[in-house]
Amino acid sequence: MMTHQLLVLLIIGYIVYTIDIKKNFFPVPVVLVAIGLGLSFIPYFDEFNISKDIIFNVFLPAMLFTSAYQFPLKQLKQNIGIIVSLSTIGLMLTVALLGLSIYFAGGIFTSLTLTAAFLLAAILTPTDPVSVTAILKESSGAEQIADVVEGESMINDGTSIVFFTIFLTMYQTGNGFSLGKFVSELLLVSIGGVLLGIAVGWLMSKTIRFTQDKKYQVMLSVIGAYGAFYIGEAIGVSGVLATVAAGIFVAYEMGRDIKEDTLPQSLDGFWDIVTPILLAVLFLLIGIRGAEYLAFSGWWFAIVIFLLTVVVRFMVIALFIYGVPKWRKEFKNDLSTITLTAWSGIKGAMSVALLLWLEEAASGKDQILIALAFAAILLSLVIQSIGIYPLSKVLKKLQ
């Protein structure tokens, strides 16, 4: 039955991708999630579920590797400073400010502990640029903003996992926050993941020379993408950052040493097919999975949390752009840049994976926290995805 259901989801995804000609106004992920919500009421899909392990082990490695190796190296070098800053220090500030804001706002709606508020903030911090970057480039010509958003999302996934695991442990055990432990774990997991990814990428770039057959070269890229992730998770470093680093290193080597003209086309031809398939199934499953949490009494609080995620992200980005003279000169029309970058911080696959992780760890408890997170993610995915095109148009006219 599972294979039949999967085939139905693939057919739905194909239809949506084919006929959705208004992607600027209704990005594909929004349409897929809405359809998934509708499918949740059909008994045929009752047993078709998604878990944290499925997202981490099946979907994320492929999506991360594709976005990393296809990310233009020139843009990465140009924006590496702000991308890394937003993904590390910026993410820390975002979690801190968002966690405190949720905690104090919770006093109006429902009682949340400070640790629970920070755990919720850690879930809602990762960004997912699916469909947003293309809209930004097509509607407003904001290529640099799109590159920053996409680059940030590749790195902050790994950082956010470290935050989440620390706050989840605190939430379950009641232990306090240790800055020293956090910093040491962040450095170990992050640096270890990057070094592993570079090693895997280097090995791929050398091994790929042993054959000119594009089928086996593509096969090797699959092994590298998933191998870097699985090895990283097995040895206790960031599998996310390992996969990203491997993808970037492979792209670097293809541009520098590997001279086969057909290799980039072969990789693109394969991953450009695999990625939309994975995305179609993933967002349909998110809709199916999230439907059970829609009927709860905390919607007003969820709306407030969603608004806080946008406001806090705006504040953090403004702090970086206005606070660093180099970036203040580099990003013209600062308010427009900050607004678009903040609004582009859509929650997606990683936030859902962390939420499902919490659900498994909670074992049926703390349903209000899980429901609030699911509702905030859905609000972000729908409202921000739909709003990015008209917002970019309005800001472009105001320039």
Protein backbone atom coordinates (compact mmCIF):
# COMPACT_ATOMS: atom_id res chain seq x y z
CA MET A 1 0.00 0.00 0.00
CA MET A 2 2.88 2.38 0.78
CA THR A 3 4.23 2.14 -2.78
CA HIS A 4 0.78 2.86 -4.22
CA GLN A 5 0.43 5.94 -2.04
CA LEU A 6 3.90 7.14 -2.99
CA LEU A 7 3.04 6.81 -6.67
CA VAL A 8 -0.09 8.89 -6.14
CA LEU A 9 1.99 11.62 -4.44
CA LEU A 10 4.46 11.61 -7.33
CA ILE A 11 1.62 11.97 -9.82
CA ILE A 12 0.19 14.89 -7.83
CA GLY A 13 3.63 16.49 -7.69
CA TYR A 14 4.08 16.11 -11.44
CA ILE A 15 0.69 17.70 -12.12
CA VAL A 16 1.40 20.63 -9.79
CA TYR A 17 4.83 21.30 -11.29
CA THR A 18 3.40 21.07 -14.81
CA ILE A 19 0.31 23.28 -14.55
CA ASP A 20 1.33 25.76 -11.85
CA ILE A 21 2.06 28.67 -14.20
CA LYS A 22 1.49 31.26 -11.45
CA LYS A 23 4.54 30.25 -9.45
CA ASN A 24 5.40 33.87 -8.68
CA PHE A 25 2.15 34.26 -6.76
CA PHE A 26 1.62 30.70 -5.52
CA PRO A 27 4.98 28.93 -5.20
CA VAL A 28 4.89 25.18 -5.68
CA PRO A 29 5.63 24.28 -2.00
CA VAL A 30 2.53 26.20 -0.87
CA VAL A 31 0.33 24.40 -3.38
CA LEU A 32 1.77 21.03 -2.36
CA VAL A 33 1.27 21.66 1.36
CA ALA A 34 -2.33 22.78 0.74
CA ILE A 35 -3.00 19.62 -1.26
CA GLY A 36 -1.37 17.57 1.49
CA LEU A 37 -3.71 19.10 4.05
CA GLY A 38 -6.62 18.05 1.85
CA LEU A 39 -5.24 14.53 1.39
CA SER A 40 -5.10 14.09 5.17
CA PHE A 41 -8.90 13.78 5.22
CA ILE A 42 -8.79 10.80 2.82
CA PRO A 43 -8.55 7.45 4.66
CA TYR A 44 -6.29 6.11 1.89
CA PHE A 45 -3.44 8.22 3.33
CA ASP A 46 -4.07 7.52 7.02
CA GLU A 47 -1.06 5.24 7.44
CA PHE A 48 1.25 7.18 5.13
CA ASN A 49 3.41 9.13 7.56
CA ILE A 50 6.70 10.95 7.78
CA SER A 51 9.25 10.87 10.56
CA LYS A 52 12.38 12.71 11.58
CA ASP A 53 14.56 9.84 10.37
CA ILE A 54 12.97 9.86 6.91
CA ILE A 55 13.61 13.60 6.47
CA PHE A 56 17.18 13.39 7.76
CA ASN A 57 18.22 10.16 6.06
CA VAL A 58 16.34 10.37 2.74
CA PHE A 59 15.45 13.95 1.86
CA LEU A 60 18.05 16.26 3.40
CA PRO A 61 21.33 14.80 2.02
CA ALA A 62 20.17 15.05 -1.59
CA MET A 63 18.69 18.53 -1.21
CA LEU A 64 21.71 19.87 0.69
CA PHE A 65 24.24 18.42 -1.74
CA THR A 66 22.38 19.77 -4.77
CA SER A 67 22.06 23.30 -3.38
CA ALA A 68 25.72 23.26 -2.28
CA TYR A 69 27.39 22.07 -5.46
CA GLN A 70 25.11 24.24 -7.65
CA PHE A 71 25.71 27.35 -5.55
CA PRO A 72 27.87 29.76 -7.61
CA LEU A 73 31.36 29.90 -6.11
CA LYS A 74 31.80 33.51 -7.16
CA GLN A 75 28.75 34.55 -5.16
CA LEU A 76 29.86 32.41 -2.22
CA LYS A 77 33.24 34.14 -2.10
CA GLN A 78 31.62 37.56 -2.47
CA ASN A 79 29.11 37.01 0.35
CA ILE A 80 30.95 34.53 2.57
CA GLY A 81 31.31 37.03 5.42
CA ILE A 82 27.64 37.86 5.87
CA ILE A 83 26.54 34.28 5.10
CA VAL A 84 28.74 32.79 7.84
CA SER A 85 27.91 35.61 10.26
CA LEU A 86 24.15 35.18 9.85
CA SER A 87 24.47 31.39 10.12
CA THR A 88 26.44 31.47 13.38
CA ILE A 89 26.39 34.64 15.46
CA GLY A 90 23.20 35.79 13.77
CA LEU A 91 21.52 32.46 14.50
CA MET A 92 22.57 32.68 18.17
CA LEU A 93 21.09 36.17 18.46
CA THR A 94 17.92 35.05 16.70
CA VAL A 95 17.40 32.10 19.03
CA ALA A 96 18.07 34.26 22.10
CA LEU A 97 15.75 37.11 21.08
CA LEU A 98 13.04 34.86 19.69
CA GLY A 99 13.12 32.57 22.73
CA LEU A 100 12.76 35.51 25.13
CA SER A 101 10.00 37.05 23.01
CA ILE A 102 8.03 33.78 22.90
CA TYR A 103 8.47 33.32 26.65
CA PHE A 104 7.09 36.77 27.53
CA ALA A 105 4.32 36.54 24.90
CA GLY A 106 3.36 33.16 26.32
CA GLY A 107 2.30 34.80 29.54
CA ILE A 108 -0.69 36.25 27.68
CA PHE A 109 -1.84 33.04 26.01
CA THR A 110 -0.46 29.96 27.77
CA SER A 111 2.31 29.23 30.17
CA LEU A 112 5.63 28.13 28.64
CA THR A 113 8.84 27.56 30.51
CA LEU A 114 11.88 29.54 29.38
CA THR A 115 13.55 26.34 28.15
CA ALA A 116 10.45 25.41 26.15
CA ALA A 117 10.44 28.88 24.57
CA PHE A 118 14.09 28.53 23.55
CA LEU A 119 13.42 25.03 22.21
CA LEU A 120 10.59 26.43 20.10
CA ALA A 121 12.89 29.22 18.89
CA ALA A 122 15.53 26.67 17.87
CA ILE A 123 12.94 24.81 15.80
CA LEU A 124 11.79 27.99 14.05
CA THR A 125 15.24 29.42 13.28
CA PRO A 126 16.41 27.34 10.25
CA THR A 127 15.44 28.81 6.88
CA ASP A 128 14.39 27.06 3.68
CA PRO A 129 14.91 29.02 0.42
CA VAL A 130 12.95 26.63 -1.81
CA SER A 131 11.33 28.67 -4.64
CA VAL A 132 12.10 31.95 -2.86
CA THR A 133 15.48 32.65 -4.45
CA ALA A 134 14.15 32.22 -7.98
CA ILE A 135 11.26 34.58 -7.22
CA LEU A 136 13.62 37.20 -5.78
CA LYS A 137 15.83 37.12 -8.86
CA GLU A 138 12.97 37.18 -11.36
CA SER A 139 10.75 39.76 -9.67
CA SER A 140 13.19 42.30 -8.29
CA GLY A 141 16.61 41.42 -9.66
CA ALA A 142 17.82 40.97 -6.06
CA GLU A 143 20.44 38.39 -6.96
CA GLN A 144 22.71 39.22 -4.04
CA ILE A 145 19.91 38.97 -1.49
CA ALA A 146 18.85 35.63 -2.99
CA ASP A 147 22.43 34.36 -2.81
CA VAL A 148 22.75 35.42 0.84
CA VAL A 149 19.45 33.74 1.76
CA GLU A 150 20.40 30.51 -0.05
CA GLY A 151 23.93 30.43 1.34
CA GLU A 152 22.71 31.14 4.86
CA SER A 153 20.17 28.33 4.70
CA MET A 154 22.86 25.78 3.76
CA ILE A 155 24.96 26.55 6.83
CA ASN A 156 22.41 27.43 9.49
CA ASP A 157 20.78 24.00 9.23
CA GLY A 158 23.86 22.47 10.86
CA THR A 159 24.12 25.18 13.52
CA SER A 160 20.44 24.98 14.41
CA ILE A 161 20.71 21.23 15.09
CA VAL A 162 23.35 21.94 17.75
CA PHE A 163 21.08 24.50 19.41
CA PHE A 164 18.12 22.16 19.24
CA THR A 165 19.89 19.17 20.79
CA ILE A 166 21.22 21.28 23.68
CA PHE A 167 17.84 22.84 24.46
CA LEU A 168 16.07 19.48 24.04
CA THR A 169 18.41 17.95 26.64
CA MET A 170 17.75 20.88 28.97
CA TYR A 171 14.01 20.54 28.39
CA GLN A 172 14.00 16.83 29.17
CA THR A 173 16.39 16.86 32.14
CA GLY A 174 15.80 20.31 33.59
CA ASN A 175 19.53 21.05 33.59
CA GLY A 176 20.76 24.60 33.14
CA PHE A 177 22.51 26.11 30.13
CA SER A 178 26.30 25.79 30.02
CA LEU A 179 27.97 28.31 27.71
CA GLY A 180 31.26 26.44 27.74
CA LYS A 181 29.63 23.16 26.81
CA PHE A 182 27.60 24.82 24.09
CA VAL A 183 30.59 26.56 22.48
CA SER A 184 32.77 23.44 22.63
CA GLU A 185 30.05 21.26 21.14
CA LEU A 186 29.27 23.82 18.44
CA LEU A 187 32.94 24.05 17.43
CA LEU A 188 33.44 20.28 17.50
CA VAL A 189 30.32 19.48 15.52
CA SER A 190 30.72 22.31 13.01
CA ILE A 191 34.45 22.18 12.33
CA GLY A 192 34.39 18.39 12.33
CA GLY A 193 31.54 18.37 9.82
CA VAL A 194 33.28 20.82 7.50
CA LEU A 195 36.59 18.91 7.62
CA LEU A 196 34.82 15.63 6.93
CA GLY A 197 32.95 17.20 4.00
CA ILE A 198 36.18 18.55 2.52
CA ALA A 199 37.76 15.10 2.84
CA VAL A 200 34.78 13.41 1.16
CA GLY A 201 34.70 16.08 -1.57
CA TRP A 202 38.43 15.70 -2.20
CA LEU A 203 38.08 11.92 -2.41
CA MET A 204 35.17 12.28 -4.84
CA SER A 205 37.11 14.70 -7.04
CA LYS A 206 40.01 12.24 -7.25
CA THR A 207 37.93 9.09 -7.65
CA ILE A 208 35.75 10.58 -10.35
CA ARG A 209 38.78 10.63 -12.68
CA PHE A 210 38.87 6.82 -12.87
CA THR A 211 35.94 6.69 -15.29
CA GLN A 212 34.58 8.82 -18.11
CA ASP A 213 31.19 7.13 -17.99
CA LYS A 214 28.67 9.70 -16.80
CA LYS A 215 26.44 7.04 -15.22
CA TYR A 216 29.15 6.05 -12.76
CA GLN A 217 30.16 9.66 -12.13
CA VAL A 218 26.59 10.44 -11.14
CA MET A 219 26.49 7.29 -9.00
CA LEU A 220 29.60 8.54 -7.19
CA SER A 221 27.93 11.88 -6.45
CA VAL A 222 25.04 10.02 -4.80
CA ILE A 223 27.50 8.01 -2.70
CA GLY A 224 29.31 11.19 -1.69
CA ALA A 225 26.16 13.13 -0.83
CA TYR A 226 24.67 10.45 1.40
CA GLY A 227 28.02 9.07 2.57
CA ALA A 228 29.19 12.41 3.94
CA PHE A 229 25.91 12.81 5.83
CA TYR A 230 25.80 9.29 7.27
CA ILE A 231 29.47 9.23 8.28
CA GLY A 232 29.15 12.64 9.93
CA GLU A 233 26.14 11.57 11.97
CA ALA A 234 27.85 8.28 12.90
CA ILE A 235 31.00 9.91 14.28
CA GLY A 236 29.22 12.74 16.08
CA VAL A 237 29.86 15.72 13.80
CA SER A 238 27.41 17.63 11.62
CA GLY A 239 26.24 15.49 8.73
CA VAL A 240 24.49 18.55 7.32
CA LEU A 241 27.69 20.61 7.17
CA ALA A 242 29.64 17.59 5.89
CA THR A 243 27.25 17.22 2.94
CA VAL A 244 27.31 20.96 2.23
CA ALA A 245 31.11 21.13 2.39
CA ALA A 246 31.41 18.08 0.12
CA GLY A 247 29.11 19.68 -2.45
CA ILE A 248 30.97 22.98 -2.42
CA PHE A 249 34.36 21.25 -2.70
CA VAL A 250 33.18 19.15 -5.65
CA ALA A 251 31.97 22.32 -7.40
CA TYR A 252 35.35 23.95 -6.70
CA GLU A 253 37.26 21.00 -8.11
CA MET A 254 35.02 20.80 -11.19
CA GLY A 255 35.80 24.42 -11.93
CA ARG A 256 39.51 24.13 -11.24
CA ASP A 257 40.91 20.73 -12.19
CA ILE A 258 38.28 18.46 -13.64
CA LYS A 259 38.14 19.21 -17.36
CA GLU A 260 35.43 16.86 -18.56
CA ASP A 261 32.87 19.13 -20.18
CA THR A 262 30.08 16.62 -19.70
CA LEU A 263 30.46 16.20 -15.93
CA PRO A 264 28.56 19.31 -14.74
CA GLN A 265 25.81 18.63 -17.26
CA SER A 266 25.56 15.01 -16.15
CA LEU A 267 25.29 15.93 -12.48
CA ASP A 268 22.78 18.69 -13.19
CA GLY A 269 20.73 16.40 -15.38
CA PHE A 270 20.41 13.85 -12.58
CA TRP A 271 20.00 16.09 -9.51
CA ASP A 272 17.64 18.49 -11.29
CA ILE A 273 15.29 15.53 -11.69
CA VAL A 274 15.77 14.03 -8.23
CA THR A 275 15.34 17.31 -6.31
CA PRO A 276 11.80 18.22 -7.48
CA ILE A 277 10.71 14.62 -6.90
CA LEU A 278 11.94 14.74 -3.30
CA LEU A 279 10.49 18.21 -2.74
CA ALA A 280 7.09 17.22 -4.12
CA VAL A 281 6.82 14.20 -1.84
CA LEU A 282 8.24 16.07 1.17
CA PHE A 283 5.86 19.03 1.07
CA LEU A 284 2.85 16.81 0.40
CA LEU A 285 3.83 14.75 3.45
CA ILE A 286 4.29 17.90 5.53
CA GLY A 287 0.71 18.86 4.69
CA ILE A 288 -0.60 15.38 5.49
CA ARG A 289 1.39 15.22 8.74
CA GLY A 290 0.56 18.71 9.96
CA ALA A 291 -3.20 18.45 9.51
CA GLU A 292 -3.70 16.68 12.84
CA TYR A 293 -2.34 19.71 14.70
CA LEU A 294 -4.52 22.32 13.01
CA ALA A 295 -7.53 21.86 15.29
CA PHE A 296 -6.16 23.35 18.50
CA SER A 297 -6.97 26.40 20.58
CA GLY A 298 -3.63 28.17 20.33
CA TRP A 299 -3.90 29.72 16.89
CA TRP A 300 -3.65 33.31 18.13
CA PHE A 301 -0.45 32.47 19.95
CA ALA A 302 0.86 30.68 16.84
CA ILE A 303 0.16 33.81 14.78
CA VAL A 304 2.04 35.92 17.33
CA ILE A 305 4.97 33.48 17.22
CA PHE A 306 5.04 33.64 13.43
CA LEU A 307 5.10 37.46 13.52
CA LEU A 308 7.86 37.37 16.12
CA THR A 309 10.02 35.18 13.86
CA VAL A 310 9.82 37.80 11.11
CA VAL A 311 10.40 40.79 13.43
CA VAL A 312 13.34 39.20 15.24
CA ARG A 313 14.96 38.16 11.96
CA PHE A 314 14.50 41.72 10.67
CA MET A 315 16.20 43.11 13.79
CA VAL A 316 19.17 40.73 13.58
CA ILE A 317 19.75 41.37 9.87
CA ALA A 318 19.45 45.13 10.43
CA LEU A 319 22.04 44.89 13.19
CA PHE A 320 24.53 43.20 10.85
CA ILE A 321 23.97 45.41 7.81
CA TYR A 322 23.83 48.73 9.66
CA GLY A 323 26.49 47.70 12.16
CA VAL A 324 29.20 46.61 9.71
CA PRO A 325 30.42 49.48 7.48
CA LYS A 326 31.51 47.13 4.68
CA TRP A 327 28.05 45.56 4.40
CA ARG A 328 26.30 48.91 4.83
CA LYS A 329 28.12 50.16 1.73
CA GLU A 330 27.75 46.90 -0.16
CA PHE A 331 23.98 46.55 0.29
CA LYS A 332 22.32 49.60 -1.19
CA ASN A 333 18.78 50.59 -0.19
CA ASP A 334 19.34 49.08 3.24
CA LEU A 335 15.72 48.99 4.39
CA SER A 336 14.60 47.18 1.25
CA THR A 337 17.45 44.69 1.56
CA ILE A 338 16.72 44.00 5.22
CA THR A 339 12.99 43.61 4.61
CA LEU A 340 13.38 41.17 1.72
CA THR A 341 16.06 39.15 3.50
CA ALA A 342 13.97 38.95 6.67
CA TRP A 343 10.80 37.98 4.83
CA SER A 344 12.70 35.32 2.86
CA GLY A 345 13.51 33.41 6.06
CA ILE A 346 10.83 30.79 5.41
CA LYS A 347 10.58 27.72 7.63
CA GLY A 348 10.65 24.39 5.86
CA ALA A 349 12.15 20.90 5.87
CA MET A 350 14.68 21.35 8.68
CA SER A 351 12.14 22.96 11.03
CA VAL A 352 9.73 20.10 10.38
CA ALA A 353 12.51 17.54 10.99
CA LEU A 354 13.40 19.15 14.33
CA LEU A 355 9.74 19.30 15.27
CA LEU A 356 9.26 15.60 14.54
CA TRP A 357 12.41 14.95 16.57
CA LEU A 358 10.77 16.74 19.50
CA GLU A 359 7.57 14.79 18.98
CA GLU A 360 9.42 11.48 19.16
CA ALA A 361 11.34 12.57 22.24
CA ALA A 362 8.19 13.86 23.95
CA SER A 363 6.40 10.52 23.49
CA GLY A 364 2.95 12.03 23.26
CA LYS A 365 3.52 14.75 25.86
CA ASP A 366 3.62 18.53 25.39
CA GLN A 367 1.22 18.48 22.45
CA ILE A 368 0.58 22.22 22.74
CA LEU A 369 4.28 22.97 22.09
CA ILE A 370 4.31 20.68 19.06
CA ALA A 371 1.05 22.13 17.73
CA LEU A 372 2.32 25.70 18.13
CA ALA A 373 5.48 24.87 16.20
CA PHE A 374 3.60 23.11 13.38
CA ALA A 375 1.16 26.01 13.08
CA ALA A 376 3.97 28.59 12.99
CA ILE A 377 5.83 26.59 10.33
CA LEU A 378 2.72 26.31 8.16
CA LEU A 379 1.99 30.03 8.55
CA SER A 380 5.55 30.87 7.55
CA LEU A 381 5.54 28.50 4.58
CA VAL A 382 2.22 29.76 3.22
CA ILE A 383 2.22 33.49 4.06
CA GLN A 384 5.88 34.24 3.39
CA SER A 385 6.05 32.16 0.21
CA ILE A 386 2.96 33.83 -1.25
CA GLY A 387 4.01 37.27 -0.04
CA ILE A 388 7.56 37.32 -1.37
CA TYR A 389 6.60 38.20 -4.95
CA PRO A 390 4.26 41.14 -4.24
CA LEU A 391 6.58 42.41 -1.48
CA SER A 392 9.59 42.39 -3.79
CA LYS A 393 7.59 44.24 -6.46
CA VAL A 394 6.42 46.90 -4.01
CA LEU A 395 9.90 47.46 -2.61
CA LYS A 396 11.36 47.66 -6.10
CA LYS A 397 8.92 50.44 -7.01
CA LEU A 398 9.81 52.33 -3.84
CA GLN A 399 13.52 52.35 -4.64
